[in-house]
Amino acid sequence: MLFAALAGCPADQPPQCITVDTNCAPLYQPTFDAVFANTIAIGCGSGRSACHARNGEGGMSLEDPAIAHASLLAGRVTPGDPGCSELIVRTSSPGADYQMP
């Protein structure tokens, strides 16, 4: 029973911070509304990609902009410091067992 409960847990915890190249040219204005509409809603919180739809993984729903904003600022995103934002660490770590798609 314990094995089944731990099977979905990553063996390694993500690092607190990583090095992030912030010299890229964004595809759109990097405002929350633009990021939500162009990335989060489509790739993370929709019914099509249900990882963080209603009752999402990690207890985080990204279906609704207001709930997503509050969830992300509750320790998952560090404003002004992308390299120390859990969201960036988990999406920028290819091959790590804690990587999010």
Protein backbone atom coordinates (compact mmCIF):
# COMPACT_ATOMS: atom_id res chain seq x y z
CA MET A 1 0.00 0.00 0.00
CA LEU A 2 2.79 2.43 0.89
CA PHE A 3 4.53 1.68 -2.42
CA ALA A 4 1.36 2.56 -4.32
CA ALA A 5 1.09 5.84 -2.43
CA LEU A 6 4.70 6.78 -3.21
CA ALA A 7 4.71 5.64 -6.83
CA GLY A 8 3.60 9.05 -8.11
CA CYS A 9 6.10 11.00 -6.00
CA PRO A 10 9.37 12.08 -7.58
CA ALA A 11 12.51 10.66 -5.96
CA ASP A 12 14.41 13.94 -6.26
CA GLN A 13 13.14 17.26 -5.03
CA PRO A 14 13.65 20.21 -7.37
CA PRO A 15 16.47 22.63 -6.55
CA GLN A 16 15.53 25.96 -5.01
CA CYS A 17 16.98 27.91 -7.95
CA ILE A 18 18.41 27.33 -11.43
CA THR A 19 20.15 29.56 -13.96
CA VAL A 20 17.65 31.00 -16.43
CA ASP A 21 18.45 32.85 -19.63
CA THR A 22 16.16 35.87 -19.61
CA ASN A 23 17.55 37.38 -22.82
CA CYS A 24 14.95 35.77 -25.07
CA ALA A 25 12.44 37.67 -27.14
CA PRO A 26 8.96 36.86 -25.79
CA LEU A 27 6.30 35.80 -28.25
CA TYR A 28 3.82 38.12 -26.51
CA GLN A 29 3.75 40.69 -23.71
CA PRO A 30 4.79 38.96 -20.48
CA THR A 31 1.76 40.07 -18.45
CA PHE A 32 -0.21 37.60 -16.36
CA ASP A 33 -3.27 37.93 -18.61
CA ALA A 34 -1.20 37.23 -21.75
CA VAL A 35 0.67 34.31 -20.17
CA PHE A 36 -2.59 32.87 -18.86
CA ALA A 37 -4.38 33.15 -22.22
CA ASN A 38 -1.48 32.02 -24.42
CA THR A 39 0.21 29.38 -22.27
CA ILE A 40 -1.41 28.40 -18.98
CA ALA A 41 -5.03 28.05 -20.09
CA ILE A 42 -4.08 26.16 -23.25
CA GLY A 43 -1.28 23.96 -21.94
CA CYS A 44 -1.94 23.46 -18.24
CA GLY A 45 -5.47 24.22 -17.12
CA SER A 46 -7.78 23.21 -19.93
CA GLY A 47 -9.78 20.01 -20.11
CA ARG A 48 -7.61 19.05 -23.07
CA SER A 49 -4.46 18.92 -20.93
CA ALA A 50 -5.93 18.20 -17.54
CA CYS A 51 -2.82 18.17 -15.31
CA HIS A 52 -3.98 21.35 -13.58
CA ALA A 53 -7.61 21.53 -14.60
CA ARG A 54 -10.25 21.30 -11.87
CA ASN A 55 -8.85 19.36 -8.84
CA GLY A 56 -5.45 19.46 -10.53
CA GLU A 57 -2.16 17.82 -9.68
CA GLY A 58 -0.47 19.17 -6.60
CA GLY A 59 -3.79 20.65 -5.49
CA MET A 60 -3.40 23.43 -8.05
CA SER A 61 -6.13 24.34 -10.51
CA LEU A 62 -5.14 26.64 -13.38
CA GLU A 63 -8.58 26.66 -15.01
CA ASP A 64 -9.63 30.10 -13.83
CA PRO A 65 -7.39 33.21 -14.07
CA ALA A 66 -8.07 34.45 -10.53
CA ILE A 67 -7.49 31.03 -8.92
CA ALA A 68 -4.42 30.44 -11.10
CA HIS A 69 -2.95 33.82 -10.14
CA ALA A 70 -3.44 33.16 -6.43
CA SER A 71 -2.07 29.60 -6.71
CA LEU A 72 1.02 30.67 -8.58
CA LEU A 73 1.82 33.47 -6.14
CA ALA A 74 1.36 31.09 -3.19
CA GLY A 75 4.98 29.94 -3.39
CA ARG A 76 5.13 28.63 -6.96
CA VAL A 77 6.32 31.84 -8.67
CA THR A 78 8.77 34.35 -7.25
CA PRO A 79 8.01 37.69 -8.95
CA GLY A 80 11.15 39.20 -10.45
CA ASP A 81 13.22 36.03 -9.90
CA PRO A 82 12.37 33.40 -12.52
CA GLY A 83 15.34 31.17 -11.64
CA CYS A 84 13.98 30.73 -8.11
CA SER A 85 10.37 30.20 -9.18
CA GLU A 86 9.22 26.60 -8.72
CA LEU A 87 7.20 26.80 -11.94
CA ILE A 88 10.32 27.69 -13.97
CA VAL A 89 12.50 25.13 -12.17
CA ARG A 90 9.97 22.37 -12.88
CA THR A 91 9.42 23.31 -16.55
CA SER A 92 13.11 23.94 -17.34
CA SER A 93 14.63 20.69 -16.06
CA PRO A 94 14.62 18.17 -18.94
CA GLY A 95 14.99 14.60 -17.78
CA ALA A 96 14.44 15.30 -14.09
CA ASP A 97 11.70 13.26 -12.45
CA TYR A 98 10.17 16.46 -11.06
CA GLN A 99 9.94 18.07 -14.52
CA MET A 100 6.54 19.30 -15.66
CA PRO A 101 5.77 19.22 -19.39
